[in-house]
Amino acid sequence: INTKVALIKYHPGYDPSILEKIIEMNYSGIIFEGTGLGHIGKIMYENVKKANEKGIFLGMTSQCIDGRVRMTVYESGRDLLDLGIVSLENMIPEVALVKAMWALGNSETLEDM
């Protein structure tokens, strides 16, 4: 199991320097708990791009109780897909975190996941 996976609960006003610090700390994965259909603010995009370029797994879940991530509905979701975030569909954030820890701990590359 790889415990270097972060769970970020996004909210308006979230400080992107926190994500930057997670990247600097060489985390292997980041699970975002996004708003609505799976979104985070554009202020985060630069650091998301940095994380993707560094080979960090990026997954998106939703804060909504019965929420399903649908990142193709709005432009912001499509932008996040282009930046390398993977839609985790209807997976709840805590399950996504544990599954990412297991998968990253048992895989040589992101493609193996």
N, C-alpha and C. Protein backbone atom coordinates (compact mmCIF):
# COMPACT_ATOMS: atom_id res chain seq x y z
N ILE A 1 0.85 -1.19 0.00
CA ILE A 1 0.00 0.00 0.00
C ILE A 1 0.90 1.25 0.00
N ASN A 2 0.50 2.23 -0.76
CA ASN A 2 1.24 3.49 -0.86
C ASN A 2 0.44 4.56 -0.12
N THR A 3 0.96 5.01 1.00
CA THR A 3 0.23 5.99 1.81
C THR A 3 0.47 7.43 1.36
N LYS A 4 1.25 7.62 0.32
CA LYS A 4 1.51 8.98 -0.19
C LYS A 4 0.43 9.39 -1.18
N VAL A 5 -0.83 9.30 -0.76
CA VAL A 5 -1.98 9.73 -1.56
C VAL A 5 -2.77 10.72 -0.71
N ALA A 6 -3.05 11.88 -1.28
CA ALA A 6 -3.77 12.93 -0.56
C ALA A 6 -5.23 12.97 -0.98
N LEU A 7 -6.08 13.36 -0.05
CA LEU A 7 -7.50 13.59 -0.33
C LEU A 7 -7.76 15.07 -0.11
N ILE A 8 -8.11 15.77 -1.18
CA ILE A 8 -8.35 17.21 -1.11
C ILE A 8 -9.83 17.49 -1.27
N LYS A 9 -10.43 18.07 -0.24
CA LYS A 9 -11.83 18.49 -0.30
C LYS A 9 -11.82 19.94 -0.78
N TYR A 10 -12.16 20.13 -2.06
CA TYR A 10 -12.12 21.47 -2.64
C TYR A 10 -13.31 22.30 -2.18
N HIS A 11 -13.07 23.59 -1.98
CA HIS A 11 -14.12 24.56 -1.65
C HIS A 11 -13.69 25.92 -2.17
N PRO A 12 -14.64 26.82 -2.40
CA PRO A 12 -14.28 28.17 -2.83
C PRO A 12 -13.33 28.79 -1.80
N GLY A 13 -12.26 29.37 -2.27
CA GLY A 13 -11.26 29.95 -1.39
C GLY A 13 -10.14 28.99 -1.03
N TYR A 14 -10.17 27.76 -1.56
CA TYR A 14 -9.11 26.79 -1.28
C TYR A 14 -7.78 27.38 -1.74
N ASP A 15 -6.79 27.30 -0.91
CA ASP A 15 -5.47 27.87 -1.20
C ASP A 15 -4.67 26.90 -2.08
N PRO A 16 -4.38 27.28 -3.34
CA PRO A 16 -3.66 26.37 -4.23
C PRO A 16 -2.24 26.05 -3.77
N SER A 17 -1.70 26.85 -2.84
CA SER A 17 -0.35 26.55 -2.35
C SER A 17 -0.34 25.25 -1.53
N ILE A 18 -1.49 24.84 -1.02
CA ILE A 18 -1.58 23.56 -0.31
C ILE A 18 -1.33 22.41 -1.29
N LEU A 19 -1.96 22.49 -2.46
CA LEU A 19 -1.74 21.49 -3.50
C LEU A 19 -0.28 21.52 -3.95
N GLU A 20 0.26 22.71 -4.09
CA GLU A 20 1.67 22.84 -4.49
C GLU A 20 2.58 22.15 -3.48
N LYS A 21 2.29 22.28 -2.20
CA LYS A 21 3.10 21.63 -1.16
C LYS A 21 3.00 20.11 -1.25
N ILE A 22 1.80 19.60 -1.53
CA ILE A 22 1.61 18.15 -1.69
C ILE A 22 2.46 17.64 -2.85
N ILE A 23 2.50 18.40 -3.94
CA ILE A 23 3.32 18.03 -5.10
C ILE A 23 4.79 18.02 -4.70
N GLU A 24 5.23 19.05 -3.99
CA GLU A 24 6.63 19.15 -3.55
C GLU A 24 7.02 18.00 -2.61
N MET A 25 6.05 17.48 -1.87
CA MET A 25 6.31 16.39 -0.93
C MET A 25 6.33 15.03 -1.61
N ASN A 26 6.29 15.02 -2.95
CA ASN A 26 6.40 13.80 -3.75
C ASN A 26 5.30 12.78 -3.47
N TYR A 27 4.09 13.26 -3.35
CA TYR A 27 2.96 12.35 -3.24
C TYR A 27 2.78 11.60 -4.56
N SER A 28 2.26 10.39 -4.49
CA SER A 28 2.06 9.56 -5.68
C SER A 28 0.69 9.75 -6.29
N GLY A 29 -0.27 10.21 -5.49
CA GLY A 29 -1.63 10.38 -5.98
C GLY A 29 -2.37 11.46 -5.22
N ILE A 30 -3.34 12.05 -5.90
CA ILE A 30 -4.21 13.06 -5.29
C ILE A 30 -5.64 12.75 -5.71
N ILE A 31 -6.50 12.59 -4.73
CA ILE A 31 -7.93 12.41 -4.98
C ILE A 31 -8.60 13.73 -4.63
N PHE A 32 -9.29 14.30 -5.60
CA PHE A 32 -10.03 15.54 -5.37
C PHE A 32 -11.47 15.20 -5.04
N GLU A 33 -11.99 15.85 -4.03
CA GLU A 33 -13.41 15.79 -3.70
C GLU A 33 -13.98 17.11 -4.23
N GLY A 34 -14.42 17.06 -5.48
CA GLY A 34 -14.85 18.27 -6.17
C GLY A 34 -16.29 18.65 -5.88
N THR A 35 -16.65 19.82 -6.34
CA THR A 35 -18.03 20.30 -6.18
C THR A 35 -18.90 19.76 -7.30
N GLY A 36 -20.18 19.62 -7.03
CA GLY A 36 -21.16 19.26 -8.06
C GLY A 36 -20.79 18.02 -8.84
N LEU A 37 -20.64 18.21 -10.15
CA LEU A 37 -20.35 17.10 -11.07
C LEU A 37 -18.88 16.73 -11.11
N GLY A 38 -18.08 17.36 -10.26
CA GLY A 38 -16.65 17.07 -10.20
C GLY A 38 -15.81 18.21 -10.71
N HIS A 39 -15.82 19.31 -9.97
CA HIS A 39 -15.09 20.50 -10.41
C HIS A 39 -14.25 21.08 -9.28
N ILE A 40 -13.17 21.74 -9.67
CA ILE A 40 -12.36 22.55 -8.78
C ILE A 40 -12.12 23.87 -9.49
N GLY A 41 -11.77 24.90 -8.75
CA GLY A 41 -11.59 26.23 -9.33
C GLY A 41 -10.40 26.32 -10.27
N LYS A 42 -10.52 27.24 -11.22
CA LYS A 42 -9.44 27.44 -12.20
C LYS A 42 -8.14 27.86 -11.55
N ILE A 43 -8.21 28.42 -10.35
CA ILE A 43 -7.01 28.81 -9.62
C ILE A 43 -6.12 27.60 -9.32
N MET A 44 -6.69 26.40 -9.39
CA MET A 44 -5.95 25.16 -9.11
C MET A 44 -5.29 24.57 -10.35
N TYR A 45 -5.70 25.02 -11.54
CA TYR A 45 -5.30 24.37 -12.79
C TYR A 45 -3.78 24.29 -12.98
N GLU A 46 -3.06 25.36 -12.66
CA GLU A 46 -1.61 25.36 -12.87
C GLU A 46 -0.95 24.25 -12.05
N ASN A 47 -1.36 24.10 -10.80
CA ASN A 47 -0.78 23.05 -9.96
C ASN A 47 -1.24 21.66 -10.36
N VAL A 48 -2.47 21.55 -10.87
CA VAL A 48 -2.94 20.26 -11.39
C VAL A 48 -2.05 19.84 -12.57
N LYS A 49 -1.76 20.79 -13.44
CA LYS A 49 -0.90 20.51 -14.59
C LYS A 49 0.49 20.07 -14.12
N LYS A 50 1.04 20.75 -13.12
CA LYS A 50 2.35 20.38 -12.57
C LYS A 50 2.33 18.96 -12.01
N ALA A 51 1.27 18.63 -11.30
CA ALA A 51 1.15 17.29 -10.72
C ALA A 51 1.11 16.23 -11.81
N ASN A 52 0.34 16.49 -12.85
CA ASN A 52 0.24 15.54 -13.96
C ASN A 52 1.59 15.37 -14.65
N GLU A 53 2.28 16.47 -14.87
CA GLU A 53 3.61 16.41 -15.52
C GLU A 53 4.61 15.64 -14.66
N LYS A 54 4.41 15.65 -13.36
CA LYS A 54 5.29 14.94 -12.43
C LYS A 54 4.92 13.46 -12.30
N GLY A 55 3.83 13.04 -12.97
CA GLY A 55 3.43 11.64 -12.94
C GLY A 55 2.59 11.25 -11.74
N ILE A 56 1.95 12.22 -11.12
CA ILE A 56 1.10 11.96 -9.96
C ILE A 56 -0.29 11.56 -10.45
N PHE A 57 -0.84 10.48 -9.89
CA PHE A 57 -2.20 10.08 -10.25
C PHE A 57 -3.18 11.11 -9.72
N LEU A 58 -4.13 11.53 -10.56
CA LEU A 58 -5.13 12.54 -10.20
C LEU A 58 -6.52 11.97 -10.44
N GLY A 59 -7.30 11.85 -9.38
CA GLY A 59 -8.66 11.32 -9.51
C GLY A 59 -9.68 12.32 -8.99
N MET A 60 -10.87 12.33 -9.59
CA MET A 60 -11.93 13.25 -9.19
C MET A 60 -13.14 12.49 -8.67
N THR A 61 -13.59 12.87 -7.47
CA THR A 61 -14.84 12.38 -6.90
C THR A 61 -15.73 13.59 -6.65
N SER A 62 -16.93 13.35 -6.16
CA SER A 62 -17.88 14.45 -5.89
C SER A 62 -18.21 14.52 -4.41
N GLN A 63 -18.48 15.74 -3.94
CA GLN A 63 -18.91 15.94 -2.56
C GLN A 63 -20.39 15.60 -2.37
N CYS A 64 -21.13 15.50 -3.45
CA CYS A 64 -22.57 15.25 -3.37
C CYS A 64 -22.84 13.83 -2.85
N ILE A 65 -23.83 13.70 -2.00
CA ILE A 65 -24.13 12.41 -1.36
C ILE A 65 -24.40 11.32 -2.39
N ASP A 66 -25.28 11.57 -3.32
CA ASP A 66 -25.55 10.61 -4.38
C ASP A 66 -24.89 11.04 -5.68
N GLY A 67 -23.76 11.71 -5.55
CA GLY A 67 -23.13 12.32 -6.71
C GLY A 67 -22.37 11.37 -7.59
N ARG A 68 -22.48 11.61 -8.86
CA ARG A 68 -21.69 10.91 -9.86
C ARG A 68 -20.90 11.99 -10.58
N VAL A 69 -19.63 11.74 -10.76
CA VAL A 69 -18.78 12.69 -11.48
C VAL A 69 -19.13 12.62 -12.96
N ARG A 70 -19.42 13.77 -13.53
CA ARG A 70 -19.71 13.88 -14.97
C ARG A 70 -18.93 15.06 -15.51
N MET A 71 -17.69 14.81 -15.83
CA MET A 71 -16.77 15.89 -16.18
C MET A 71 -16.91 16.38 -17.61
N THR A 72 -17.73 15.73 -18.41
CA THR A 72 -17.89 16.17 -19.80
C THR A 72 -19.06 17.13 -19.99
N VAL A 73 -19.84 17.38 -18.96
CA VAL A 73 -21.03 18.23 -19.10
C VAL A 73 -20.65 19.69 -19.30
N TYR A 74 -19.72 20.19 -18.50
CA TYR A 74 -19.34 21.60 -18.56
C TYR A 74 -17.89 21.74 -19.02
N GLU A 75 -17.59 22.91 -19.55
CA GLU A 75 -16.24 23.18 -20.06
C GLU A 75 -15.18 23.00 -18.98
N SER A 76 -15.48 23.42 -17.76
CA SER A 76 -14.49 23.30 -16.68
C SER A 76 -14.13 21.84 -16.42
N GLY A 77 -15.09 20.95 -16.49
CA GLY A 77 -14.81 19.53 -16.32
C GLY A 77 -13.97 18.98 -17.45
N ARG A 78 -14.29 19.40 -18.67
CA ARG A 78 -13.50 18.95 -19.83
C ARG A 78 -12.07 19.47 -19.73
N ASP A 79 -11.91 20.70 -19.23
CA ASP A 79 -10.56 21.25 -19.01
C ASP A 79 -9.78 20.38 -18.03
N LEU A 80 -10.43 19.94 -16.97
CA LEU A 80 -9.76 19.11 -15.97
C LEU A 80 -9.37 17.75 -16.54
N LEU A 81 -10.22 17.19 -17.38
CA LEU A 81 -9.85 15.94 -18.06
C LEU A 81 -8.62 16.15 -18.92
N ASP A 82 -8.57 17.28 -19.63
CA ASP A 82 -7.41 17.60 -20.46
C ASP A 82 -6.14 17.78 -19.63
N LEU A 83 -6.30 18.21 -18.39
CA LEU A 83 -5.15 18.40 -17.50
C LEU A 83 -4.69 17.09 -16.85
N GLY A 84 -5.42 16.00 -17.10
CA GLY A 84 -4.98 14.69 -16.62
C GLY A 84 -5.76 14.11 -15.46
N ILE A 85 -6.83 14.77 -15.03
CA ILE A 85 -7.63 14.21 -13.94
C ILE A 85 -8.53 13.10 -14.49
N VAL A 86 -8.61 12.01 -13.75
CA VAL A 86 -9.43 10.86 -14.12
C VAL A 86 -10.75 10.94 -13.35
N SER A 87 -11.86 10.82 -14.07
CA SER A 87 -13.17 10.77 -13.43
C SER A 87 -13.33 9.44 -12.72
N LEU A 88 -13.66 9.47 -11.44
CA LEU A 88 -13.86 8.24 -10.68
C LEU A 88 -15.34 7.91 -10.52
N GLU A 89 -16.13 8.45 -11.44
CA GLU A 89 -17.55 8.13 -11.57
C GLU A 89 -18.32 8.30 -10.26
N ASN A 90 -18.85 7.22 -9.69
CA ASN A 90 -19.67 7.31 -8.48
C ASN A 90 -18.94 6.82 -7.23
N MET A 91 -17.62 6.74 -7.29
CA MET A 91 -16.84 6.28 -6.15
C MET A 91 -16.82 7.36 -5.07
N ILE A 92 -17.10 6.98 -3.82
CA ILE A 92 -17.04 7.98 -2.76
C ILE A 92 -15.57 8.29 -2.46
N PRO A 93 -15.28 9.50 -1.98
CA PRO A 93 -13.89 9.94 -1.81
C PRO A 93 -13.03 9.00 -0.97
N GLU A 94 -13.56 8.51 0.14
CA GLU A 94 -12.76 7.65 1.02
C GLU A 94 -12.42 6.33 0.35
N VAL A 95 -13.34 5.77 -0.39
CA VAL A 95 -13.07 4.53 -1.13
C VAL A 95 -12.04 4.79 -2.22
N ALA A 96 -12.18 5.92 -2.92
CA ALA A 96 -11.22 6.29 -3.96
C ALA A 96 -9.82 6.42 -3.37
N LEU A 97 -9.72 7.00 -2.19
CA LEU A 97 -8.43 7.16 -1.52
C LEU A 97 -7.78 5.81 -1.25
N VAL A 98 -8.52 4.90 -0.64
CA VAL A 98 -7.96 3.58 -0.29
C VAL A 98 -7.63 2.78 -1.55
N LYS A 99 -8.50 2.83 -2.56
CA LYS A 99 -8.22 2.11 -3.80
C LYS A 99 -6.98 2.67 -4.50
N ALA A 100 -6.82 3.99 -4.48
CA ALA A 100 -5.62 4.59 -5.09
C ALA A 100 -4.38 4.17 -4.32
N MET A 101 -4.45 4.15 -2.99
CA MET A 101 -3.32 3.70 -2.17
C MET A 101 -2.93 2.27 -2.54
N TRP A 102 -3.93 1.40 -2.65
CA TRP A 102 -3.66 0.01 -2.99
C TRP A 102 -3.08 -0.11 -4.40
N ALA A 103 -3.74 0.55 -5.36
CA ALA A 103 -3.31 0.44 -6.76
C ALA A 103 -1.90 1.01 -6.96
N LEU A 104 -1.62 2.15 -6.35
CA LEU A 104 -0.28 2.75 -6.50
C LEU A 104 0.78 1.91 -5.80
N GLY A 105 0.39 1.23 -4.73
CA GLY A 105 1.33 0.37 -4.03
C GLY A 105 1.59 -0.94 -4.74
N ASN A 106 0.74 -1.30 -5.69
CA ASN A 106 0.86 -2.57 -6.39
C ASN A 106 1.08 -2.41 -7.89
N SER A 107 1.51 -1.23 -8.31
CA SER A 107 1.72 -0.95 -9.73
C SER A 107 3.08 -0.30 -9.94
N GLU A 108 3.70 -0.64 -11.05
CA GLU A 108 4.98 -0.02 -11.41
C GLU A 108 4.77 1.35 -12.05
N THR A 109 3.71 1.47 -12.85
CA THR A 109 3.44 2.72 -13.57
C THR A 109 1.96 3.07 -13.45
N LEU A 110 1.61 4.31 -13.81
CA LEU A 110 0.20 4.71 -13.81
C LEU A 110 -0.60 3.89 -14.80
N GLU A 111 0.01 3.51 -15.90
CA GLU A 111 -0.69 2.69 -16.90
C GLU A 111 -1.06 1.32 -16.34
N ASP A 112 -0.25 0.81 -15.41
CA ASP A 112 -0.52 -0.48 -14.78
C ASP A 112 -1.73 -0.43 -13.85
N MET A 113 -2.04 0.77 -13.37
CA MET A 113 -3.16 0.91 -12.43
C MET A 113 -4.43 0.51 -13.11
